């Protein structure tokens, strides 16, 4: 790819912590709900995951090189390719 230069701007520690916290709490809460274990705690974990995910998007959106490339979701071909995968993995 000619003309593309990569520049390391430093580690994104805050973004990495938000990313780990958001997905960790969300997946832990969903797993707890799937096993019918401590439902109030599972709901709290899911709420924490959603809140940290919101903070992650607010933190990463203005960056030139975010951890999660949110600008890809604006491209129709990308969202079109994600939809069948999400539908195929949906529990029946």
N, C-alpha and C. Protein backbone atom coordinates (compact mmCIF):
# COMPACT_ATOMS: atom_id res chain seq x y z
N UNK A 1 0.83 -1.17 0.00
CA UNK A 1 0.00 0.00 0.00
C UNK A 1 0.88 1.24 0.00
N UNK A 2 1.05 1.77 -1.13
CA UNK A 2 1.91 2.93 -1.28
C UNK A 2 1.24 4.17 -0.71
N UNK A 3 2.02 4.99 -0.11
CA UNK A 3 1.52 6.26 0.38
C UNK A 3 0.94 6.22 1.78
N UNK A 4 0.90 5.06 2.40
CA UNK A 4 0.35 4.96 3.75
C UNK A 4 1.51 4.87 4.72
N UNK A 5 1.54 5.79 5.66
CA UNK A 5 2.58 5.76 6.67
C UNK A 5 1.93 5.55 8.03
N UNK A 6 2.52 4.69 8.81
CA UNK A 6 2.02 4.42 10.16
C UNK A 6 2.83 5.24 11.15
N UNK A 7 2.14 5.81 12.09
CA UNK A 7 2.80 6.59 13.11
C UNK A 7 2.34 6.10 14.47
N UNK A 8 3.28 5.72 15.30
CA UNK A 8 2.94 5.28 16.65
C UNK A 8 2.83 6.50 17.52
N UNK A 9 1.64 6.71 18.07
CA UNK A 9 1.41 7.91 18.87
C UNK A 9 1.46 7.62 20.36
N UNK A 10 1.85 6.42 20.73
CA UNK A 10 1.91 6.07 22.14
C UNK A 10 0.80 5.10 22.50
N UNK A 11 1.00 4.43 23.59
CA UNK A 11 0.02 3.45 24.05
C UNK A 11 -1.22 4.16 24.57
N UNK A 12 -2.36 3.56 24.32
CA UNK A 12 -3.63 4.11 24.76
C UNK A 12 -4.11 3.33 25.99
N UNK A 13 -3.52 3.64 27.13
CA UNK A 13 -3.82 2.89 28.35
C UNK A 13 -5.26 3.07 28.80
N UNK A 14 -5.77 4.28 28.72
CA UNK A 14 -7.15 4.53 29.15
C UNK A 14 -8.12 3.77 28.25
N UNK A 15 -7.89 3.84 26.95
CA UNK A 15 -8.73 3.11 26.00
C UNK A 15 -8.68 1.61 26.22
N UNK A 16 -7.49 1.09 26.49
CA UNK A 16 -7.33 -0.34 26.72
C UNK A 16 -8.06 -0.77 27.99
N UNK A 17 -7.98 0.04 29.04
CA UNK A 17 -8.69 -0.29 30.28
C UNK A 17 -10.20 -0.22 30.10
N UNK A 18 -10.67 0.79 29.38
CA UNK A 18 -12.10 0.89 29.11
C UNK A 18 -12.59 -0.27 28.26
N UNK A 19 -11.79 -0.65 27.27
CA UNK A 19 -12.13 -1.77 26.39
C UNK A 19 -12.22 -3.07 27.19
N UNK A 20 -11.21 -3.34 28.01
CA UNK A 20 -11.21 -4.56 28.81
C UNK A 20 -12.35 -4.56 29.83
N UNK A 21 -12.57 -3.43 30.46
CA UNK A 21 -13.64 -3.36 31.45
C UNK A 21 -15.02 -3.51 30.83
N UNK A 22 -15.23 -2.86 29.69
CA UNK A 22 -16.55 -2.92 29.04
C UNK A 22 -16.88 -4.33 28.58
N UNK A 23 -15.97 -4.94 27.84
CA UNK A 23 -16.26 -6.27 27.33
C UNK A 23 -16.19 -7.33 28.41
N UNK A 24 -15.31 -7.17 29.38
CA UNK A 24 -15.24 -8.11 30.49
C UNK A 24 -16.52 -8.12 31.31
N UNK A 25 -16.99 -6.94 31.68
CA UNK A 25 -18.22 -6.86 32.48
C UNK A 25 -19.43 -7.32 31.69
N UNK A 26 -19.50 -6.93 30.42
CA UNK A 26 -20.64 -7.33 29.59
C UNK A 26 -20.69 -8.84 29.40
N UNK A 27 -19.58 -9.45 29.06
CA UNK A 27 -19.55 -10.89 28.85
C UNK A 27 -19.77 -11.66 30.14
N UNK A 28 -19.22 -11.16 31.24
CA UNK A 28 -19.43 -11.82 32.53
C UNK A 28 -20.90 -11.76 32.94
N UNK A 29 -21.53 -10.63 32.73
CA UNK A 29 -22.95 -10.50 33.06
C UNK A 29 -23.82 -11.37 32.18
N UNK A 30 -23.53 -11.43 30.89
CA UNK A 30 -24.31 -12.29 30.00
C UNK A 30 -24.13 -13.76 30.33
N UNK A 31 -22.92 -14.15 30.71
CA UNK A 31 -22.69 -15.54 31.09
C UNK A 31 -23.42 -15.87 32.39
N UNK A 32 -23.44 -14.95 33.32
CA UNK A 32 -24.19 -15.18 34.57
C UNK A 32 -25.68 -15.32 34.30
N UNK A 33 -26.20 -14.50 33.39
CA UNK A 33 -27.62 -14.62 33.04
C UNK A 33 -27.91 -15.95 32.35
N UNK A 34 -26.99 -16.41 31.51
CA UNK A 34 -27.19 -17.67 30.80
C UNK A 34 -27.24 -18.85 31.76
N UNK A 35 -26.55 -18.75 32.88
CA UNK A 35 -26.51 -19.84 33.85
C UNK A 35 -27.47 -19.60 35.02
N UNK A 36 -28.31 -18.57 34.92
CA UNK A 36 -29.30 -18.24 35.95
C UNK A 36 -28.66 -18.07 37.32
N UNK A 37 -27.52 -17.43 37.35
CA UNK A 37 -26.79 -17.24 38.60
C UNK A 37 -26.82 -15.76 38.99
N UNK A 38 -27.31 -15.48 40.18
CA UNK A 38 -27.28 -14.13 40.76
C UNK A 38 -27.75 -13.07 39.76
N UNK A 39 -29.02 -13.12 39.43
CA UNK A 39 -29.57 -12.23 38.40
C UNK A 39 -29.35 -10.74 38.68
N UNK A 40 -29.53 -10.23 39.92
CA UNK A 40 -29.26 -8.81 40.13
C UNK A 40 -27.79 -8.44 39.87
N UNK A 41 -26.88 -9.33 40.24
CA UNK A 41 -25.47 -9.07 39.98
C UNK A 41 -25.19 -9.09 38.49
N UNK A 42 -25.82 -10.01 37.77
CA UNK A 42 -25.63 -10.10 36.31
C UNK A 42 -26.13 -8.84 35.63
N UNK A 43 -27.27 -8.35 36.06
CA UNK A 43 -27.82 -7.11 35.47
C UNK A 43 -26.90 -5.93 35.78
N UNK A 44 -26.34 -5.90 36.99
CA UNK A 44 -25.41 -4.83 37.34
C UNK A 44 -24.14 -4.90 36.49
N UNK A 45 -23.66 -6.12 36.22
CA UNK A 45 -22.47 -6.28 35.38
C UNK A 45 -22.76 -5.82 33.95
N UNK A 46 -23.92 -6.17 33.44
CA UNK A 46 -24.29 -5.75 32.09
C UNK A 46 -24.41 -4.23 32.02
N UNK A 47 -25.02 -3.62 33.03
CA UNK A 47 -25.15 -2.16 33.07
C UNK A 47 -23.77 -1.50 33.14
N UNK A 48 -22.86 -2.07 33.92
CA UNK A 48 -21.51 -1.55 34.00
C UNK A 48 -20.80 -1.67 32.65
N UNK A 49 -20.98 -2.80 31.98
CA UNK A 49 -20.38 -2.99 30.67
C UNK A 49 -20.90 -2.00 29.65
N UNK A 50 -22.19 -1.73 29.67
CA UNK A 50 -22.78 -0.76 28.75
C UNK A 50 -22.26 0.65 29.05
N UNK A 51 -22.17 0.98 30.33
CA UNK A 51 -21.67 2.30 30.71
C UNK A 51 -20.21 2.48 30.30
N UNK A 52 -19.39 1.46 30.54
CA UNK A 52 -17.99 1.55 30.13
C UNK A 52 -17.85 1.57 28.62
N UNK A 53 -18.73 0.86 27.92
CA UNK A 53 -18.72 0.89 26.46
C UNK A 53 -19.07 2.27 25.93
N UNK A 54 -20.02 2.93 26.58
CA UNK A 54 -20.36 4.29 26.19
C UNK A 54 -19.17 5.23 26.41
N UNK A 55 -18.51 5.07 27.57
CA UNK A 55 -17.32 5.88 27.83
C UNK A 55 -16.21 5.58 26.82
N UNK A 56 -16.10 4.32 26.43
CA UNK A 56 -15.09 3.95 25.45
C UNK A 56 -15.35 4.63 24.11
N UNK A 57 -16.59 4.64 23.67
CA UNK A 57 -16.89 5.30 22.40
C UNK A 57 -16.64 6.81 22.50
N UNK A 58 -16.98 7.41 23.61
CA UNK A 58 -16.72 8.85 23.79
C UNK A 58 -15.23 9.15 23.82
N UNK A 59 -14.46 8.22 24.39
CA UNK A 59 -13.02 8.42 24.50
C UNK A 59 -12.31 8.19 23.16
N UNK A 60 -12.75 7.21 22.40
CA UNK A 60 -12.05 6.79 21.19
C UNK A 60 -12.48 7.53 19.92
N UNK A 61 -13.68 8.06 19.89
CA UNK A 61 -14.19 8.68 18.66
C UNK A 61 -13.33 9.80 18.10
N UNK A 62 -12.83 10.72 18.91
CA UNK A 62 -12.03 11.81 18.31
C UNK A 62 -10.61 11.41 17.92
N UNK A 63 -10.18 10.22 18.25
CA UNK A 63 -8.80 9.80 17.95
C UNK A 63 -8.62 9.48 16.48
N UNK A 64 -7.41 9.70 15.99
CA UNK A 64 -7.10 9.39 14.59
C UNK A 64 -6.98 7.88 14.37
N UNK A 65 -6.50 7.16 15.38
CA UNK A 65 -6.35 5.70 15.26
C UNK A 65 -6.97 5.04 16.50
N UNK A 66 -8.30 4.90 16.52
CA UNK A 66 -8.95 4.33 17.70
C UNK A 66 -8.73 2.82 17.80
N UNK A 67 -8.93 2.27 19.01
CA UNK A 67 -8.82 0.83 19.20
C UNK A 67 -9.91 0.09 18.42
N UNK A 68 -11.11 0.64 18.44
CA UNK A 68 -12.21 0.11 17.65
C UNK A 68 -12.52 1.12 16.54
N UNK A 69 -12.42 0.72 15.29
CA UNK A 69 -12.65 1.67 14.20
C UNK A 69 -14.14 1.92 13.97
N UNK A 70 -14.70 2.88 14.68
CA UNK A 70 -16.13 3.18 14.59
C UNK A 70 -16.52 3.73 13.23
N UNK A 71 -15.57 4.33 12.51
CA UNK A 71 -15.89 4.89 11.21
C UNK A 71 -16.24 3.80 10.19
N UNK A 72 -15.82 2.56 10.44
CA UNK A 72 -16.19 1.46 9.54
C UNK A 72 -17.69 1.18 9.56
N UNK A 73 -18.33 1.45 10.69
CA UNK A 73 -19.76 1.20 10.80
C UNK A 73 -20.59 2.14 9.92
N UNK A 74 -19.98 3.21 9.45
CA UNK A 74 -20.68 4.14 8.57
C UNK A 74 -20.67 3.67 7.12
N UNK A 75 -19.86 2.66 6.82
CA UNK A 75 -19.78 2.15 5.45
C UNK A 75 -20.81 1.05 5.25
N UNK A 76 -21.69 1.19 4.26
CA UNK A 76 -22.76 0.21 4.05
C UNK A 76 -22.26 -1.20 3.79
N UNK A 77 -21.17 -1.38 3.09
CA UNK A 77 -20.69 -2.71 2.78
C UNK A 77 -20.21 -3.42 4.04
N UNK A 78 -19.65 -2.67 4.97
CA UNK A 78 -19.18 -3.26 6.22
C UNK A 78 -20.35 -3.71 7.09
N UNK A 79 -21.36 -2.85 7.24
CA UNK A 79 -22.52 -3.23 8.04
C UNK A 79 -23.30 -4.36 7.38
N UNK A 80 -23.32 -4.38 6.05
CA UNK A 80 -23.99 -5.46 5.34
C UNK A 80 -23.28 -6.80 5.59
N UNK A 81 -21.97 -6.77 5.73
CA UNK A 81 -21.24 -8.00 5.98
C UNK A 81 -21.35 -8.46 7.43
N UNK A 82 -21.64 -7.55 8.36
CA UNK A 82 -21.77 -7.92 9.77
C UNK A 82 -23.14 -8.54 10.06
N UNK A 83 -24.18 -8.07 9.41
CA UNK A 83 -25.54 -8.51 9.72
C UNK A 83 -25.74 -10.02 9.62
N UNK A 84 -25.30 -10.69 8.56
CA UNK A 84 -25.51 -12.15 8.51
C UNK A 84 -24.76 -12.89 9.62
N UNK A 85 -23.60 -12.39 9.99
CA UNK A 85 -22.83 -13.05 11.06
C UNK A 85 -23.55 -12.90 12.39
N UNK A 86 -24.10 -11.75 12.66
CA UNK A 86 -24.86 -11.55 13.89
C UNK A 86 -26.12 -12.40 13.90
N UNK A 87 -26.79 -12.48 12.77
CA UNK A 87 -28.02 -13.29 12.69
C UNK A 87 -27.70 -14.77 12.84
N UNK A 88 -26.58 -15.22 12.30
CA UNK A 88 -26.22 -16.64 12.38
C UNK A 88 -25.82 -17.04 13.80
N UNK A 89 -25.29 -16.12 14.57
CA UNK A 89 -24.86 -16.47 15.92
C UNK A 89 -25.94 -16.20 16.98
N UNK A 90 -27.08 -15.69 16.56
CA UNK A 90 -28.16 -15.41 17.50
C UNK A 90 -28.71 -16.72 18.05
N UNK A 91 -28.90 -16.86 19.37
CA UNK A 91 -29.40 -18.14 19.91
C UNK A 91 -30.82 -18.43 19.44
N UNK A 92 -31.06 -19.67 19.18
CA UNK A 92 -32.40 -20.08 18.70
C UNK A 92 -33.20 -20.69 19.79
